[in-house]
Amino acid sequence: MAVKKHNVAMQLLQVVLWLVGVALFSVMASSAPAAVAAAPPPADCPSKCGDVDIPFPFGIGDDHCFWPGFDVVCNHSFTPPRPYYGNMEIKDISLPKGETRVHFRAAKLLRLVQHQQQLRVRRRLAMAQPHRDAVPCVAGEERVHGHRVRHAGDDVRQGGRELLDRLRHDVRELGCRRQRR
């Protein structure tokens, strides 16, 4: 799991650095639009990948087709081909607007990591192993797996008596210590 978190962090860092580069280029382009327009890529460099225009200083192919850090890979395994920067699919590049639209899967990866963490926690709780850390108890109520459980004389609104009995059993099995304050 640590490797996945590291990969997600590296992907996010890659996105941020690339977007900073795009922003810097946009500032340069807006202050000198004629200079950018006057510097087209060499004739042997592709300027389109699938349905997406790839304007210079972005480019596909050899090193002379793009500025450093603005290299785009055209993935021909799709029909039509799709341009990528790292693991981000490029949807559109607009030099006049200074915008690059990308489809980035990091948000989905983060949700997946969060979901996997929740499943791992649920599995651990379901096993209710006595060697795990004891669940803290507070006077007048019990804290079981992060949920507050009131004592028998109190109103139980979450799941009724059966839930309370099951949670109390888990507390006893885990060796809950009561802490009086």
C-alpha atoms as a PDB file:
ATOM      1  CA  MET A   1       0.000   0.000   0.000  1.00  0.00           C
ATOM      2  CA  ALA A   2       2.918   2.340   0.709  1.00  0.00           C
ATOM      3  CA  VAL A   3       4.086   1.924  -2.887  1.00  0.00           C
ATOM      4  CA  LYS A   4       0.663   2.936  -4.221  1.00  0.00           C
ATOM      5  CA  LYS A   5       0.605   6.021  -1.984  1.00  0.00           C
ATOM      6  CA  HIS A   6       4.106   6.913  -3.192  1.00  0.00           C
ATOM      7  CA  ASN A   7       3.023   6.461  -6.822  1.00  0.00           C
ATOM      8  CA  VAL A   8      -0.040   8.673  -6.312  1.00  0.00           C
ATOM      9  CA  ALA A   9       2.114  11.336  -4.653  1.00  0.00           C
ATOM     10  CA  MET A  10       4.608  11.197  -7.529  1.00  0.00           C
ATOM     11  CA  GLN A  11       1.778  11.469 -10.062  1.00  0.00           C
ATOM     12  CA  LEU A  12       0.369  14.506  -8.283  1.00  0.00           C
ATOM     13  CA  LEU A  13       3.833  16.096  -8.159  1.00  0.00           C
ATOM     14  CA  GLN A  14       4.264  15.402 -11.871  1.00  0.00           C
ATOM     15  CA  VAL A  15       0.922  17.100 -12.611  1.00  0.00           C
ATOM     16  CA  VAL A  16       1.800  20.144 -10.511  1.00  0.00           C
ATOM     17  CA  LEU A  17       5.231  20.553 -12.108  1.00  0.00           C
ATOM     18  CA  TRP A  18       3.820  20.165 -15.598  1.00  0.00           C
ATOM     19  CA  LEU A  19       1.036  22.668 -14.931  1.00  0.00           C
ATOM     20  CA  VAL A  20       3.598  25.144 -13.561  1.00  0.00           C
ATOM     21  CA  GLY A  21       5.547  24.720 -16.804  1.00  0.00           C
ATOM     22  CA  VAL A  22       2.392  25.301 -18.848  1.00  0.00           C
ATOM     23  CA  ALA A  23       1.603  28.398 -16.779  1.00  0.00           C
ATOM     24  CA  LEU A  24       5.121  29.792 -17.258  1.00  0.00           C
ATOM     25  CA  PHE A  25       4.928  29.145 -20.972  1.00  0.00           C
ATOM     26  CA  SER A  26       1.510  30.843 -21.071  1.00  0.00           C
ATOM     27  CA  VAL A  27       2.961  33.953 -19.447  1.00  0.00           C
ATOM     28  CA  MET A  28       5.798  33.969 -21.976  1.00  0.00           C
ATOM     29  CA  ALA A  29       3.384  33.394 -24.839  1.00  0.00           C
ATOM     30  CA  SER A  30       1.042  36.177 -23.755  1.00  0.00           C
ATOM     31  CA  SER A  31       3.903  38.668 -23.470  1.00  0.00           C
ATOM     32  CA  ALA A  32       5.370  37.691 -26.857  1.00  0.00           C
ATOM     33  CA  PRO A  33       2.690  35.971 -28.971  1.00  0.00           C
ATOM     34  CA  ALA A  34       4.423  36.867 -32.239  1.00  0.00           C
ATOM     35  CA  ALA A  35       7.649  35.163 -31.125  1.00  0.00           C
ATOM     36  CA  VAL A  36       5.823  31.938 -30.337  1.00  0.00           C
ATOM     37  CA  ALA A  37       3.864  32.013 -33.577  1.00  0.00           C
ATOM     38  CA  ALA A  38       7.088  32.738 -35.475  1.00  0.00           C
ATOM     39  CA  ALA A  39       8.754  29.603 -34.066  1.00  0.00           C
ATOM     40  CA  PRO A  40       6.886  26.669 -35.595  1.00  0.00           C
ATOM     41  CA  PRO A  41       8.212  23.155 -35.100  1.00  0.00           C
ATOM     42  CA  PRO A  42      10.277  21.571 -37.863  1.00  0.00           C
ATOM     43  CA  ALA A  43       8.265  20.206 -40.788  1.00  0.00           C
ATOM     44  CA  ASP A  44       8.985  16.578 -39.885  1.00  0.00           C
ATOM     45  CA  CYS A  45       7.309  16.927 -36.461  1.00  0.00           C
ATOM     46  CA  PRO A  46       3.661  15.839 -36.069  1.00  0.00           C
ATOM     47  CA  SER A  47       1.329  18.573 -34.825  1.00  0.00           C
ATOM     48  CA  LYS A  48      -1.708  16.407 -34.161  1.00  0.00           C
ATOM     49  CA  CYS A  49      -2.461  13.229 -32.219  1.00  0.00           C
ATOM     50  CA  GLY A  50      -5.864  11.797 -33.015  1.00  0.00           C
ATOM     51  CA  ASP A  51      -8.349  14.654 -32.735  1.00  0.00           C
ATOM     52  CA  VAL A  52      -6.105  16.839 -30.544  1.00  0.00           C
ATOM     53  CA  ASP A  53      -3.890  19.598 -31.963  1.00  0.00           C
ATOM     54  CA  ILE A  54      -0.443  19.659 -30.367  1.00  0.00           C
ATOM     55  CA  PRO A  55       0.882  23.228 -30.813  1.00  0.00           C
ATOM     56  CA  PHE A  56       4.579  24.028 -30.491  1.00  0.00           C
ATOM     57  CA  PRO A  57       6.397  24.184 -27.948  1.00  0.00           C
ATOM     58  CA  PHE A  58       4.509  20.956 -27.120  1.00  0.00           C
ATOM     59  CA  GLY A  59       5.430  18.187 -29.450  1.00  0.00           C
ATOM     60  CA  ILE A  60       5.487  14.533 -30.389  1.00  0.00           C
ATOM     61  CA  GLY A  61       8.463  12.546 -31.554  1.00  0.00           C
ATOM     62  CA  ASP A  62      12.120  13.524 -31.628  1.00  0.00           C
ATOM     63  CA  ASP A  63      13.725  15.918 -29.134  1.00  0.00           C
ATOM     64  CA  HIS A  64      13.847  18.746 -31.693  1.00  0.00           C
ATOM     65  CA  CYS A  65      10.026  18.687 -31.976  1.00  0.00           C
ATOM     66  CA  PHE A  66       9.326  20.147 -28.524  1.00  0.00           C
ATOM     67  CA  TRP A  67      10.826  22.260 -25.802  1.00  0.00           C
ATOM     68  CA  PRO A  68      12.271  20.370 -22.799  1.00  0.00           C
ATOM     69  CA  GLY A  69       9.446  19.252 -20.509  1.00  0.00           C
ATOM     70  CA  PHE A  70       6.759  19.717 -23.188  1.00  0.00           C
ATOM     71  CA  ASP A  71       7.028  16.269 -24.774  1.00  0.00           C
ATOM     72  CA  VAL A  72       3.776  14.471 -25.545  1.00  0.00           C
ATOM     73  CA  VAL A  73       3.384  10.765 -26.338  1.00  0.00           C
ATOM     74  CA  CYS A  74       0.819   9.764 -28.927  1.00  0.00           C
ATOM     75  CA  ASN A  75      -0.710   6.455 -27.815  1.00  0.00           C
ATOM     76  CA  HIS A  76      -1.770   4.595 -30.969  1.00  0.00           C
ATOM     77  CA  SER A  77      -3.419   1.715 -29.090  1.00  0.00           C
ATOM     78  CA  PHE A  78      -6.657   3.767 -29.163  1.00  0.00           C
ATOM     79  CA  THR A  79      -8.802   4.685 -32.163  1.00  0.00           C
ATOM     80  CA  PRO A  80      -8.331   7.580 -32.701  1.00  0.00           C
ATOM     81  CA  PRO A  81      -4.901   7.870 -31.023  1.00  0.00           C
ATOM     82  CA  ARG A  82      -4.752   9.795 -27.725  1.00  0.00           C
ATOM     83  CA  PRO A  83      -2.030  12.207 -26.580  1.00  0.00           C
ATOM     84  CA  TYR A  84      -0.515  11.638 -23.132  1.00  0.00           C
ATOM     85  CA  TYR A  85       1.826  13.474 -20.839  1.00  0.00           C
ATOM     86  CA  GLY A  86       2.981  10.841 -18.352  1.00  0.00           C
ATOM     87  CA  ASN A  87      -0.206   9.084 -17.259  1.00  0.00           C
ATOM     88  CA  MET A  88      -2.451  12.065 -18.052  1.00  0.00           C
ATOM     89  CA  GLU A  89      -4.507  12.017 -21.210  1.00  0.00           C
ATOM     90  CA  ILE A  90      -4.434  15.436 -22.892  1.00  0.00           C
ATOM     91  CA  LYS A  91      -7.882  16.573 -24.016  1.00  0.00           C
ATOM     92  CA  ASP A  92      -6.952  20.013 -25.378  1.00  0.00           C
ATOM     93  CA  ILE A  93      -4.047  22.478 -25.488  1.00  0.00           C
ATOM     94  CA  SER A  94      -4.873  26.155 -26.014  1.00  0.00           C
ATOM     95  CA  LEU A  95      -1.899  28.520 -26.218  1.00  0.00           C
ATOM     96  CA  PRO A  96      -4.019  31.708 -26.524  1.00  0.00           C
ATOM     97  CA  LYS A  97      -5.981  30.797 -23.375  1.00  0.00           C
ATOM     98  CA  GLY A  98      -2.911  29.361 -21.630  1.00  0.00           C
ATOM     99  CA  GLU A  99      -4.904  26.227 -20.837  1.00  0.00           C
ATOM    100  CA  THR A 100      -4.280  22.522 -21.080  1.00  0.00           C
ATOM    101  CA  ARG A 101      -7.171  20.189 -20.312  1.00  0.00           C
ATOM    102  CA  VAL A 102      -6.172  16.740 -19.089  1.00  0.00           C
ATOM    103  CA  HIS A 103      -7.912  13.607 -17.868  1.00  0.00           C
ATOM    104  CA  PHE A 104      -6.035  12.587 -14.732  1.00  0.00           C
ATOM    105  CA  ARG A 105      -6.844   9.369 -12.861  1.00  0.00           C
ATOM    106  CA  ALA A 106      -5.205  10.324  -9.548  1.00  0.00           C
ATOM    107  CA  ALA A 107      -8.557  11.202  -7.999  1.00  0.00           C
ATOM    108  CA  LYS A 108      -9.799   7.717  -8.844  1.00  0.00           C
ATOM    109  CA  LEU A 109      -6.586   6.243  -7.456  1.00  0.00           C
ATOM    110  CA  LEU A 110      -6.982   8.200  -4.232  1.00  0.00           C
ATOM    111  CA  ARG A 111     -10.563   6.990  -3.842  1.00  0.00           C
ATOM    112  CA  LEU A 112      -9.375   3.437  -4.486  1.00  0.00           C
ATOM    113  CA  VAL A 113      -6.636   3.758  -1.843  1.00  0.00           C
ATOM    114  CA  GLN A 114      -9.136   5.201   0.647  1.00  0.00           C
ATOM    115  CA  HIS A 115     -11.597   2.382  -0.131  1.00  0.00           C
ATOM    116  CA  GLN A 116      -8.884  -0.253   0.319  1.00  0.00           C
ATOM    117  CA  GLN A 117      -7.898   1.302   3.657  1.00  0.00           C
ATOM    118  CA  GLN A 118     -11.521   1.157   4.816  1.00  0.00           C
ATOM    119  CA  LEU A 119     -11.769  -2.496   3.798  1.00  0.00           C
ATOM    120  CA  ARG A 120      -8.562  -3.282   5.659  1.00  0.00           C
ATOM    121  CA  VAL A 121      -9.887  -1.588   8.821  1.00  0.00           C
ATOM    122  CA  ARG A 122     -13.205  -3.436   8.551  1.00  0.00           C
ATOM    123  CA  ARG A 123     -11.387  -6.763   8.149  1.00  0.00           C
ATOM    124  CA  ARG A 124      -9.313  -6.095  11.240  1.00  0.00           C
ATOM    125  CA  LEU A 125     -12.379  -5.161  13.242  1.00  0.00           C
ATOM    126  CA  ALA A 126     -14.254  -8.243  12.055  1.00  0.00           C
ATOM    127  CA  MET A 127     -11.420 -10.468  13.244  1.00  0.00           C
ATOM    128  CA  ALA A 128     -11.539  -8.795  16.702  1.00  0.00           C
ATOM    129  CA  GLN A 129      -8.193 -10.190  17.688  1.00  0.00           C
ATOM    130  CA  PRO A 130      -7.305  -9.745  21.383  1.00  0.00           C
ATOM    131  CA  HIS A 131      -3.697  -8.799  20.608  1.00  0.00           C
ATOM    132  CA  ARG A 132      -4.801  -5.583  18.875  1.00  0.00           C
ATOM    133  CA  ASP A 133      -4.762  -2.323  20.806  1.00  0.00           C
ATOM    134  CA  ALA A 134      -7.431  -2.177  23.474  1.00  0.00           C
ATOM    135  CA  VAL A 135     -10.432  -0.005  22.668  1.00  0.00           C
ATOM    136  CA  PRO A 136     -10.538   3.018  24.992  1.00  0.00           C
ATOM    137  CA  CYS A 137     -13.559   3.352  27.279  1.00  0.00           C
ATOM    138  CA  VAL A 138     -14.969   6.515  28.786  1.00  0.00           C
ATOM    139  CA  ALA A 139     -17.159   6.731  31.901  1.00  0.00           C
ATOM    140  CA  GLY A 140     -20.843   6.511  30.996  1.00  0.00           C
ATOM    141  CA  GLU A 141     -20.234   5.258  27.483  1.00  0.00           C
ATOM    142  CA  GLU A 142     -17.999   2.953  25.511  1.00  0.00           C
ATOM    143  CA  ARG A 143     -16.073   3.702  22.361  1.00  0.00           C
ATOM    144  CA  VAL A 144     -16.102   0.686  20.102  1.00  0.00           C
ATOM    145  CA  HIS A 145     -14.410   0.828  16.711  1.00  0.00           C
ATOM    146  CA  GLY A 146     -14.746   4.613  16.744  1.00  0.00           C
ATOM    147  CA  HIS A 147     -18.506   4.527  17.495  1.00  0.00           C
ATOM    148  CA  ARG A 148     -20.006   5.764  20.734  1.00  0.00           C
ATOM    149  CA  VAL A 149     -22.147   3.138  22.478  1.00  0.00           C
ATOM    150  CA  ARG A 150     -24.281   4.182  25.428  1.00  0.00           C
ATOM    151  CA  HIS A 151     -24.804   1.962  28.454  1.00  0.00           C
ATOM    152  CA  ALA A 152     -27.951  -0.157  28.922  1.00  0.00           C
ATOM    153  CA  GLY A 153     -29.978   2.497  30.748  1.00  0.00           C
ATOM    154  CA  ASP A 154     -29.441   5.081  28.001  1.00  0.00           C
ATOM    155  CA  ASP A 155     -31.347   5.595  24.788  1.00  0.00           C
ATOM    156  CA  VAL A 156     -29.954   3.438  21.971  1.00  0.00           C
ATOM    157  CA  ARG A 157     -30.978   4.772  18.583  1.00  0.00           C
ATOM    158  CA  GLN A 158     -28.418   3.162  16.259  1.00  0.00           C
ATOM    159  CA  GLY A 159     -29.509  -0.389  15.533  1.00  0.00           C
ATOM    160  CA  GLY A 160     -31.236  -1.077  18.832  1.00  0.00           C
ATOM    161  CA  ARG A 161     -30.453  -3.666  21.495  1.00  0.00           C
ATOM    162  CA  GLU A 162     -28.863  -6.224  19.155  1.00  0.00           C
ATOM    163  CA  LEU A 163     -26.206  -3.754  17.972  1.00  0.00           C
ATOM    164  CA  LEU A 164     -25.425  -2.712  21.536  1.00  0.00           C
ATOM    165  CA  ASP A 165     -25.028  -6.339  22.676  1.00  0.00           C
ATOM    166  CA  ARG A 166     -22.785  -7.186  19.718  1.00  0.00           C
ATOM    167  CA  LEU A 167     -20.584  -4.132  20.294  1.00  0.00           C
ATOM    168  CA  ARG A 168     -20.307  -4.830  24.015  1.00  0.00           C
ATOM    169  CA  HIS A 169     -19.252  -8.393  23.211  1.00  0.00           C
ATOM    170  CA  ASP A 170     -16.526  -6.996  20.903  1.00  0.00           C
ATOM    171  CA  VAL A 171     -15.370  -4.680  23.696  1.00  0.00           C
ATOM    172  CA  ARG A 172     -15.065  -7.564  26.158  1.00  0.00           C
ATOM    173  CA  GLU A 173     -13.265  -9.695  23.582  1.00  0.00           C
ATOM    174  CA  LEU A 174     -10.773  -6.908  22.852  1.00  0.00           C
ATOM    175  CA  GLY A 175     -10.130  -6.353  26.556  1.00  0.00           C
ATOM    176  CA  CYS A 176     -11.491  -2.837  26.850  1.00  0.00           C
ATOM    177  CA  ARG A 177     -10.190  -0.949  29.862  1.00  0.00           C
ATOM    178  CA  ARG A 178     -12.562   1.417  31.611  1.00  0.00           C
ATOM    179  CA  GLN A 179     -10.996   4.745  32.409  1.00  0.00           C
ATOM    180  CA  ARG A 180     -12.768   6.722  35.125  1.00  0.00           C
ATOM    181  CA  ARG A 181     -12.256  10.477  35.126  1.00  0.00           C
END
